[in-house]
Amino acid sequence: MKNFLLILRALVLSPLLVVCQEAFKITHGPYLQALGENGVNIVFTTNRSGIAWVELAPADSSHFYAKERPKHFASAHGQKTEGTVHNVRIEGLQPATRYRYRIYSREVLSHESYILQYGNIAASAAYRAELPTFTTLDPRASQISFAMVNDIHQQNDVMKKLLGQVDWKSNQLVFFNGDMQNNSRNEAQIFSSFMDTAISIFADRIPMYYARGNHETRGEFASQFPVISPRPPVSCIIYSVPGPFAL
């Protein structure tokens, strides 16, 4: 009887363990921030805490894995950062140059003192998949094409209709000019409100510059705005000049 109860308990708990042990994965992104002539921020999220990096290569005819590509880690003050929102800043790029990239994260199972225990790696698709690309800004450009939306207030259908009018073959930038949501409650709301839609349409290959409106200052997650929309390590007033246009 005792053995029967143990077996029954195992059968009942096994599905619960499977549910609790969801695979480590990328949940949102990537999307581009603070793209300039020589650098870019690539942002994405995972379902559990980890470290993150991006592999980068020129967008030429070579196979992405024809050779080892440089790894750019999410870091701050000389140390790899751990978390669920990953912000990878890449510097030293060439102006007016097209690059392709792949994102990675490795779960951190524990971090006690100087002892780290890592888990599995999650990465964006690469096998038989077209990697996202971006083009750095051209300071010699004589003109620029961009789109701007604001006051979306979490209406994804409205944003889809507006952005559906954009010529994405020529458009170089997108501005979110404030009030993209009603308030800022948590990370999940940011993505369901508008960011996932932006990523599916353009944001993994065309940079989005996000200006905070009054509604972005409301809510318990409002102070995390710089995490979701990071700025480059220079002035936040003017930090890029793509040809005749200053950001």
C-alpha atoms as a PDB file:
ATOM      1  CA  MET A   1       0.000   0.000   0.000  1.00  0.00           C
ATOM      2  CA  LYS A   2       2.858   2.350   0.891  1.00  0.00           C
ATOM      3  CA  ASN A   3       4.556   1.715  -2.445  1.00  0.00           C
ATOM      4  CA  PHE A   4       1.282   2.330  -4.269  1.00  0.00           C
ATOM      5  CA  LEU A   5       0.882   5.715  -2.572  1.00  0.00           C
ATOM      6  CA  LEU A   6       4.434   6.692  -3.465  1.00  0.00           C
ATOM      7  CA  ILE A   7       3.849   5.802  -7.110  1.00  0.00           C
ATOM      8  CA  LEU A   8       0.557   7.700  -7.120  1.00  0.00           C
ATOM      9  CA  ARG A   9       2.244  10.740  -5.620  1.00  0.00           C
ATOM     10  CA  ALA A  10       4.969  10.628  -8.278  1.00  0.00           C
ATOM     11  CA  LEU A  11       2.387  10.442 -11.053  1.00  0.00           C
ATOM     12  CA  VAL A  12       0.513  13.448  -9.655  1.00  0.00           C
ATOM     13  CA  LEU A  13       3.609  15.595  -9.085  1.00  0.00           C
ATOM     14  CA  SER A  14       5.427  14.819 -12.353  1.00  0.00           C
ATOM     15  CA  PRO A  15       3.235  17.078 -14.554  1.00  0.00           C
ATOM     16  CA  LEU A  16       3.619  19.868 -11.999  1.00  0.00           C
ATOM     17  CA  LEU A  17       7.399  19.559 -12.126  1.00  0.00           C
ATOM     18  CA  VAL A  18       7.325  19.747 -15.921  1.00  0.00           C
ATOM     19  CA  VAL A  19       5.242  22.930 -15.764  1.00  0.00           C
ATOM     20  CA  CYS A  20       7.541  24.472 -13.134  1.00  0.00           C
ATOM     21  CA  GLN A  21      10.655  23.660 -15.141  1.00  0.00           C
ATOM     22  CA  GLU A  22       9.852  25.716 -18.216  1.00  0.00           C
ATOM     23  CA  ALA A  23      12.774  25.840 -20.607  1.00  0.00           C
ATOM     24  CA  PHE A  24      15.019  28.877 -20.409  1.00  0.00           C
ATOM     25  CA  LYS A  25      14.095  31.020 -23.415  1.00  0.00           C
ATOM     26  CA  ILE A  26      14.085  34.422 -25.057  1.00  0.00           C
ATOM     27  CA  THR A  27      10.681  35.994 -24.455  1.00  0.00           C
ATOM     28  CA  HIS A  28      10.777  39.355 -26.278  1.00  0.00           C
ATOM     29  CA  GLY A  29      12.976  41.059 -28.829  1.00  0.00           C
ATOM     30  CA  PRO A  30      15.457  41.814 -30.065  1.00  0.00           C
ATOM     31  CA  TYR A  31      14.961  45.473 -30.833  1.00  0.00           C
ATOM     32  CA  LEU A  32      17.404  48.266 -31.677  1.00  0.00           C
ATOM     33  CA  GLN A  33      18.021  51.351 -29.570  1.00  0.00           C
ATOM     34  CA  ALA A  34      20.384  54.322 -29.755  1.00  0.00           C
ATOM     35  CA  LEU A  35      21.726  53.455 -33.192  1.00  0.00           C
ATOM     36  CA  GLY A  36      24.396  55.887 -34.321  1.00  0.00           C
ATOM     37  CA  GLU A  37      27.326  56.044 -36.713  1.00  0.00           C
ATOM     38  CA  ASN A  38      29.556  53.790 -34.601  1.00  0.00           C
ATOM     39  CA  GLY A  39      27.336  51.962 -32.116  1.00  0.00           C
ATOM     40  CA  VAL A  40      23.984  50.430 -31.241  1.00  0.00           C
ATOM     41  CA  ASN A  41      22.090  48.969 -28.283  1.00  0.00           C
ATOM     42  CA  ILE A  42      20.381  45.602 -28.834  1.00  0.00           C
ATOM     43  CA  VAL A  43      17.719  44.802 -26.237  1.00  0.00           C
ATOM     44  CA  PHE A  44      15.847  41.561 -25.512  1.00  0.00           C
ATOM     45  CA  THR A  45      14.376  39.666 -22.563  1.00  0.00           C
ATOM     46  CA  THR A  46      14.410  36.145 -21.130  1.00  0.00           C
ATOM     47  CA  ASN A  47      12.031  34.310 -18.829  1.00  0.00           C
ATOM     48  CA  ARG A  48      14.682  33.889 -16.114  1.00  0.00           C
ATOM     49  CA  SER A  49      17.843  35.696 -15.082  1.00  0.00           C
ATOM     50  CA  GLY A  50      20.963  35.218 -17.157  1.00  0.00           C
ATOM     51  CA  ILE A  51      23.914  36.849 -18.849  1.00  0.00           C
ATOM     52  CA  ALA A  52      23.609  37.894 -22.490  1.00  0.00           C
ATOM     53  CA  TRP A  53      25.665  38.580 -25.566  1.00  0.00           C
ATOM     54  CA  VAL A  54      25.372  39.328 -29.276  1.00  0.00           C
ATOM     55  CA  GLU A  55      27.422  37.881 -32.106  1.00  0.00           C
ATOM     56  CA  LEU A  56      27.925  40.355 -34.929  1.00  0.00           C
ATOM     57  CA  ALA A  57      29.160  40.116 -38.519  1.00  0.00           C
ATOM     58  CA  PRO A  58      29.098  42.267 -41.663  1.00  0.00           C
ATOM     59  CA  ALA A  59      26.075  41.589 -43.843  1.00  0.00           C
ATOM     60  CA  ASP A  60      28.089  40.134 -46.708  1.00  0.00           C
ATOM     61  CA  SER A  61      27.836  36.884 -48.667  1.00  0.00           C
ATOM     62  CA  SER A  62      29.880  34.819 -46.210  1.00  0.00           C
ATOM     63  CA  HIS A  63      28.270  32.191 -43.986  1.00  0.00           C
ATOM     64  CA  PHE A  64      27.655  33.608 -40.523  1.00  0.00           C
ATOM     65  CA  TYR A  65      29.646  30.751 -39.012  1.00  0.00           C
ATOM     66  CA  ALA A  66      32.394  30.641 -41.623  1.00  0.00           C
ATOM     67  CA  LYS A  67      34.562  31.878 -38.762  1.00  0.00           C
ATOM     68  CA  GLU A  68      34.133  32.734 -35.117  1.00  0.00           C
ATOM     69  CA  ARG A  69      32.296  36.020 -34.703  1.00  0.00           C
ATOM     70  CA  PRO A  70      33.058  38.513 -31.933  1.00  0.00           C
ATOM     71  CA  LYS A  71      30.894  38.301 -28.822  1.00  0.00           C
ATOM     72  CA  HIS A  72      29.582  41.526 -27.312  1.00  0.00           C
ATOM     73  CA  PHE A  73      28.327  41.027 -23.741  1.00  0.00           C
ATOM     74  CA  ALA A  74      25.746  42.968 -21.780  1.00  0.00           C
ATOM     75  CA  SER A  75      27.919  44.629 -19.166  1.00  0.00           C
ATOM     76  CA  ALA A  76      28.251  47.547 -16.792  1.00  0.00           C
ATOM     77  CA  HIS A  77      31.373  48.882 -15.114  1.00  0.00           C
ATOM     78  CA  GLY A  78      33.493  46.103 -16.554  1.00  0.00           C
ATOM     79  CA  GLN A  79      31.265  43.253 -15.354  1.00  0.00           C
ATOM     80  CA  LYS A  80      28.716  41.093 -17.156  1.00  0.00           C
ATOM     81  CA  THR A  81      25.213  42.019 -16.056  1.00  0.00           C
ATOM     82  CA  GLU A  82      22.630  39.493 -14.911  1.00  0.00           C
ATOM     83  CA  GLY A  83      18.880  39.900 -15.304  1.00  0.00           C
ATOM     84  CA  THR A  84      15.868  39.287 -17.509  1.00  0.00           C
ATOM     85  CA  VAL A  85      16.158  42.504 -19.546  1.00  0.00           C
ATOM     86  CA  HIS A  86      19.379  42.395 -21.544  1.00  0.00           C
ATOM     87  CA  ASN A  87      20.948  45.530 -22.999  1.00  0.00           C
ATOM     88  CA  VAL A  88      23.988  44.881 -25.182  1.00  0.00           C
ATOM     89  CA  ARG A  89      25.880  47.993 -26.235  1.00  0.00           C
ATOM     90  CA  ILE A  90      28.132  47.508 -29.265  1.00  0.00           C
ATOM     91  CA  GLU A  91      30.745  50.138 -30.139  1.00  0.00           C
ATOM     92  CA  GLY A  92      33.435  50.468 -32.798  1.00  0.00           C
ATOM     93  CA  LEU A  93      31.181  50.010 -35.828  1.00  0.00           C
ATOM     94  CA  GLN A  94      31.729  51.654 -39.196  1.00  0.00           C
ATOM     95  CA  PRO A  95      29.350  54.384 -40.427  1.00  0.00           C
ATOM     96  CA  ALA A  96      26.853  53.557 -43.179  1.00  0.00           C
ATOM     97  CA  THR A  97      27.578  49.840 -42.862  1.00  0.00           C
ATOM     98  CA  ARG A  98      25.132  46.944 -42.770  1.00  0.00           C
ATOM     99  CA  TYR A  99      25.564  44.276 -40.088  1.00  0.00           C
ATOM    100  CA  ARG A 100      23.778  41.039 -39.166  1.00  0.00           C
ATOM    101  CA  TYR A 101      23.530  39.654 -35.671  1.00  0.00           C
ATOM    102  CA  ARG A 102      22.369  36.848 -33.412  1.00  0.00           C
ATOM    103  CA  ILE A 103      21.358  37.137 -29.741  1.00  0.00           C
ATOM    104  CA  TYR A 104      22.230  34.741 -26.904  1.00  0.00           C
ATOM    105  CA  SER A 105      21.590  34.386 -23.201  1.00  0.00           C
ATOM    106  CA  ARG A 106      22.811  31.829 -20.656  1.00  0.00           C
ATOM    107  CA  GLU A 107      20.810  31.230 -17.525  1.00  0.00           C
ATOM    108  CA  VAL A 108      22.437  31.990 -14.180  1.00  0.00           C
ATOM    109  CA  LEU A 109      21.251  29.295 -11.781  1.00  0.00           C
ATOM    110  CA  SER A 110      23.065  30.701  -8.773  1.00  0.00           C
ATOM    111  CA  HIS A 111      25.623  33.382  -7.946  1.00  0.00           C
ATOM    112  CA  GLU A 112      27.161  33.192  -4.499  1.00  0.00           C
ATOM    113  CA  SER A 113      30.248  35.272  -3.864  1.00  0.00           C
ATOM    114  CA  TYR A 114      32.585  34.510  -6.779  1.00  0.00           C
ATOM    115  CA  ILE A 115      30.984  31.161  -7.625  1.00  0.00           C
ATOM    116  CA  LEU A 116      28.538  31.163 -10.555  1.00  0.00           C
ATOM    117  CA  GLN A 117      26.542  28.201 -11.733  1.00  0.00           C
ATOM    118  CA  TYR A 118      25.277  28.463 -15.293  1.00  0.00           C
ATOM    119  CA  GLY A 119      22.416  26.668 -16.965  1.00  0.00           C
ATOM    120  CA  ASN A 120      21.265  26.340 -20.564  1.00  0.00           C
ATOM    121  CA  ILE A 121      21.801  28.762 -23.433  1.00  0.00           C
ATOM    122  CA  ALA A 122      18.929  30.330 -25.355  1.00  0.00           C
ATOM    123  CA  ALA A 123      19.511  31.950 -28.747  1.00  0.00           C
ATOM    124  CA  SER A 124      17.607  33.368 -31.670  1.00  0.00           C
ATOM    125  CA  ALA A 125      17.045  31.038 -34.611  1.00  0.00           C
ATOM    126  CA  ALA A 126      19.929  30.678 -37.051  1.00  0.00           C
ATOM    127  CA  TYR A 127      19.518  27.371 -38.882  1.00  0.00           C
ATOM    128  CA  ARG A 128      17.576  28.049 -42.095  1.00  0.00           C
ATOM    129  CA  ALA A 129      16.617  31.436 -40.687  1.00  0.00           C
ATOM    130  CA  GLU A 130      17.442  34.901 -41.953  1.00  0.00           C
ATOM    131  CA  LEU A 131      19.314  36.788 -39.273  1.00  0.00           C
ATOM    132  CA  PRO A 132      18.186  40.366 -38.579  1.00  0.00           C
ATOM    133  CA  THR A 133      20.322  43.179 -39.930  1.00  0.00           C
ATOM    134  CA  PHE A 134      20.779  46.890 -39.315  1.00  0.00           C
ATOM    135  CA  THR A 135      22.654  49.732 -40.987  1.00  0.00           C
ATOM    136  CA  THR A 136      24.608  52.327 -39.023  1.00  0.00           C
ATOM    137  CA  LEU A 137      23.870  55.990 -39.674  1.00  0.00           C
ATOM    138  CA  ASP A 138      25.591  57.831 -42.490  1.00  0.00           C
ATOM    139  CA  PRO A 139      26.955  61.282 -41.476  1.00  0.00           C
ATOM    140  CA  ARG A 140      27.351  62.211 -45.149  1.00  0.00           C
ATOM    141  CA  ALA A 141      23.705  61.568 -46.047  1.00  0.00           C
ATOM    142  CA  SER A 142      21.906  64.508 -47.652  1.00  0.00           C
ATOM    143  CA  GLN A 143      18.433  63.359 -46.621  1.00  0.00           C
ATOM    144  CA  ILE A 144      16.693  60.972 -44.255  1.00  0.00           C
ATOM    145  CA  SER A 145      13.346  59.165 -44.150  1.00  0.00           C
ATOM    146  CA  PHE A 146      11.599  58.449 -40.848  1.00  0.00           C
ATOM    147  CA  ALA A 147       8.195  57.669 -39.341  1.00  0.00           C
ATOM    148  CA  MET A 148       6.704  58.985 -36.105  1.00  0.00           C
ATOM    149  CA  VAL A 149       3.814  57.754 -33.999  1.00  0.00           C
ATOM    150  CA  ASN A 150       2.515  58.909 -30.619  1.00  0.00           C
ATOM    151  CA  ASP A 151      -0.511  58.685 -28.314  1.00  0.00           C
ATOM    152  CA  ILE A 152      -1.058  55.045 -29.198  1.00  0.00           C
ATOM    153  CA  HIS A 153      -2.219  54.284 -25.626  1.00  0.00           C
ATOM    154  CA  GLN A 154      -1.790  50.513 -25.948  1.00  0.00           C
ATOM    155  CA  GLN A 155      -3.889  50.260 -29.116  1.00  0.00           C
ATOM    156  CA  ASN A 156      -1.878  47.772 -31.136  1.00  0.00           C
ATOM    157  CA  ASP A 157      -4.429  47.697 -33.941  1.00  0.00           C
ATOM    158  CA  VAL A 158      -4.104  51.465 -34.400  1.00  0.00           C
ATOM    159  CA  MET A 159      -0.323  51.274 -34.482  1.00  0.00           C
ATOM    160  CA  LYS A 160      -0.433  48.467 -37.044  1.00  0.00           C
ATOM    161  CA  LYS A 161      -2.636  50.578 -39.329  1.00  0.00           C
ATOM    162  CA  LEU A 162      -0.393  53.628 -39.008  1.00  0.00           C
ATOM    163  CA  LEU A 163       2.831  51.730 -39.557  1.00  0.00           C
ATOM    164  CA  GLY A 164       1.210  49.845 -42.416  1.00  0.00           C
ATOM    165  CA  GLN A 165       1.478  53.064 -44.432  1.00  0.00           C
ATOM    166  CA  VAL A 166       5.275  53.218 -44.086  1.00  0.00           C
ATOM    167  CA  ASP A 167       7.581  52.346 -46.976  1.00  0.00           C
ATOM    168  CA  TRP A 168       9.977  50.077 -45.071  1.00  0.00           C
ATOM    169  CA  LYS A 169      12.381  49.809 -47.997  1.00  0.00           C
ATOM    170  CA  SER A 170      13.351  53.465 -47.631  1.00  0.00           C
ATOM    171  CA  ASN A 171      12.427  54.272 -44.023  1.00  0.00           C
ATOM    172  CA  GLN A 172      15.489  54.557 -41.762  1.00  0.00           C
ATOM    173  CA  LEU A 173      14.154  55.526 -38.322  1.00  0.00           C
ATOM    174  CA  VAL A 174      10.997  55.349 -36.233  1.00  0.00           C
ATOM    175  CA  PHE A 175      10.148  57.745 -33.421  1.00  0.00           C
ATOM    176  CA  PHE A 176       7.803  56.844 -30.572  1.00  0.00           C
ATOM    177  CA  ASN A 177       6.870  60.350 -29.509  1.00  0.00           C
ATOM    178  CA  GLY A 178       5.341  59.576 -26.127  1.00  0.00           C
ATOM    179  CA  ASP A 179       2.189  58.100 -24.574  1.00  0.00           C
ATOM    180  CA  MET A 180       2.598  54.719 -26.196  1.00  0.00           C
ATOM    181  CA  GLN A 181       0.868  53.232 -23.131  1.00  0.00           C
ATOM    182  CA  ASN A 182      -1.624  54.435 -20.543  1.00  0.00           C
ATOM    183  CA  ASN A 183       0.739  53.861 -17.638  1.00  0.00           C
ATOM    184  CA  SER A 184       3.771  51.754 -16.847  1.00  0.00           C
ATOM    185  CA  ARG A 185       2.893  48.872 -14.513  1.00  0.00           C
ATOM    186  CA  ASN A 186       5.378  46.090 -15.321  1.00  0.00           C
ATOM    187  CA  GLU A 187       7.692  44.630 -17.942  1.00  0.00           C
ATOM    188  CA  ALA A 188       5.036  42.378 -19.489  1.00  0.00           C
ATOM    189  CA  GLN A 189       2.720  45.339 -20.060  1.00  0.00           C
ATOM    190  CA  ILE A 190       5.397  47.238 -21.997  1.00  0.00           C
ATOM    191  CA  PHE A 191       5.631  44.446 -24.535  1.00  0.00           C
ATOM    192  CA  SER A 192       1.943  43.588 -24.817  1.00  0.00           C
ATOM    193  CA  SER A 193       1.010  47.275 -25.078  1.00  0.00           C
ATOM    194  CA  PHE A 194       3.057  48.063 -28.185  1.00  0.00           C
ATOM    195  CA  MET A 195       6.638  46.773 -28.161  1.00  0.00           C
ATOM    196  CA  ASP A 196       5.925  43.234 -29.399  1.00  0.00           C
ATOM    197  CA  THR A 197       3.981  44.736 -32.297  1.00  0.00           C
ATOM    198  CA  ALA A 198       6.864  47.082 -33.096  1.00  0.00           C
ATOM    199  CA  ILE A 199       9.327  44.182 -33.028  1.00  0.00           C
ATOM    200  CA  SER A 200       7.187  42.110 -35.385  1.00  0.00           C
ATOM    201  CA  ILE A 201       6.969  44.989 -37.879  1.00  0.00           C
ATOM    202  CA  PHE A 202      10.385  46.688 -37.830  1.00  0.00           C
ATOM    203  CA  ALA A 203      12.243  47.105 -34.544  1.00  0.00           C
ATOM    204  CA  ASP A 204      14.727  44.222 -34.874  1.00  0.00           C
ATOM    205  CA  ARG A 205      16.261  45.839 -37.974  1.00  0.00           C
ATOM    206  CA  ILE A 206      15.234  49.533 -37.956  1.00  0.00           C
ATOM    207  CA  PRO A 207      16.055  51.656 -34.891  1.00  0.00           C
ATOM    208  CA  MET A 208      13.316  53.069 -32.734  1.00  0.00           C
ATOM    209  CA  TYR A 209      13.894  56.234 -30.693  1.00  0.00           C
ATOM    210  CA  TYR A 210      11.523  56.499 -27.769  1.00  0.00           C
ATOM    211  CA  ALA A 211      10.687  59.900 -26.245  1.00  0.00           C
ATOM    212  CA  ARG A 212       8.907  59.599 -22.924  1.00  0.00           C
ATOM    213  CA  GLY A 213       5.473  61.206 -22.632  1.00  0.00           C
ATOM    214  CA  ASN A 214       3.553  62.046 -19.469  1.00  0.00           C
ATOM    215  CA  HIS A 215       1.880  58.616 -19.429  1.00  0.00           C
ATOM    216  CA  GLU A 216       5.276  56.898 -19.387  1.00  0.00           C
ATOM    217  CA  THR A 217       5.950  58.643 -16.044  1.00  0.00           C
ATOM    218  CA  ARG A 218       2.916  56.986 -14.408  1.00  0.00           C
ATOM    219  CA  GLY A 219       2.986  53.625 -12.690  1.00  0.00           C
ATOM    220  CA  GLU A 220       5.316  51.560 -10.545  1.00  0.00           C
ATOM    221  CA  PHE A 221       7.471  50.497 -13.525  1.00  0.00           C
ATOM    222  CA  ALA A 222       7.996  54.071 -14.773  1.00  0.00           C
ATOM    223  CA  SER A 223      11.458  54.358 -13.228  1.00  0.00           C
ATOM    224  CA  GLN A 224      12.591  51.439 -15.409  1.00  0.00           C
ATOM    225  CA  PHE A 225      12.109  53.396 -18.643  1.00  0.00           C
ATOM    226  CA  PRO A 226      15.912  53.714 -19.215  1.00  0.00           C
ATOM    227  CA  VAL A 227      16.180  49.913 -18.976  1.00  0.00           C
ATOM    228  CA  ILE A 228      13.606  49.342 -21.705  1.00  0.00           C
ATOM    229  CA  SER A 229      14.801  52.275 -23.810  1.00  0.00           C
ATOM    230  CA  PRO A 230      18.539  52.759 -23.116  1.00  0.00           C
ATOM    231  CA  ARG A 231      20.509  55.772 -24.281  1.00  0.00           C
ATOM    232  CA  PRO A 232      24.123  55.792 -25.493  1.00  0.00           C
ATOM    233  CA  PRO A 233      26.841  56.900 -23.048  1.00  0.00           C
ATOM    234  CA  VAL A 234      26.764  60.521 -24.228  1.00  0.00           C
ATOM    235  CA  SER A 235      24.370  63.469 -24.121  1.00  0.00           C
ATOM    236  CA  CYS A 236      20.697  62.512 -24.240  1.00  0.00           C
ATOM    237  CA  ILE A 237      19.843  65.783 -25.996  1.00  0.00           C
ATOM    238  CA  ILE A 238      21.900  65.397 -29.169  1.00  0.00           C
ATOM    239  CA  TYR A 239      23.649  62.096 -29.647  1.00  0.00           C
ATOM    240  CA  SER A 240      23.520  61.291 -33.374  1.00  0.00           C
ATOM    241  CA  VAL A 241      23.660  63.303 -36.543  1.00  0.00           C
ATOM    242  CA  PRO A 242      22.565  61.211 -39.556  1.00  0.00           C
ATOM    243  CA  GLY A 243      23.401  63.679 -42.295  1.00  0.00           C
ATOM    244  CA  PRO A 244      21.331  66.852 -41.910  1.00  0.00           C
ATOM    245  CA  PHE A 245      19.277  65.528 -39.011  1.00  0.00           C
ATOM    246  CA  ALA A 246      20.197  65.815 -35.307  1.00  0.00           C
ATOM    247  CA  LEU A 247      18.709  63.496 -32.661  1.00  0.00           C
END
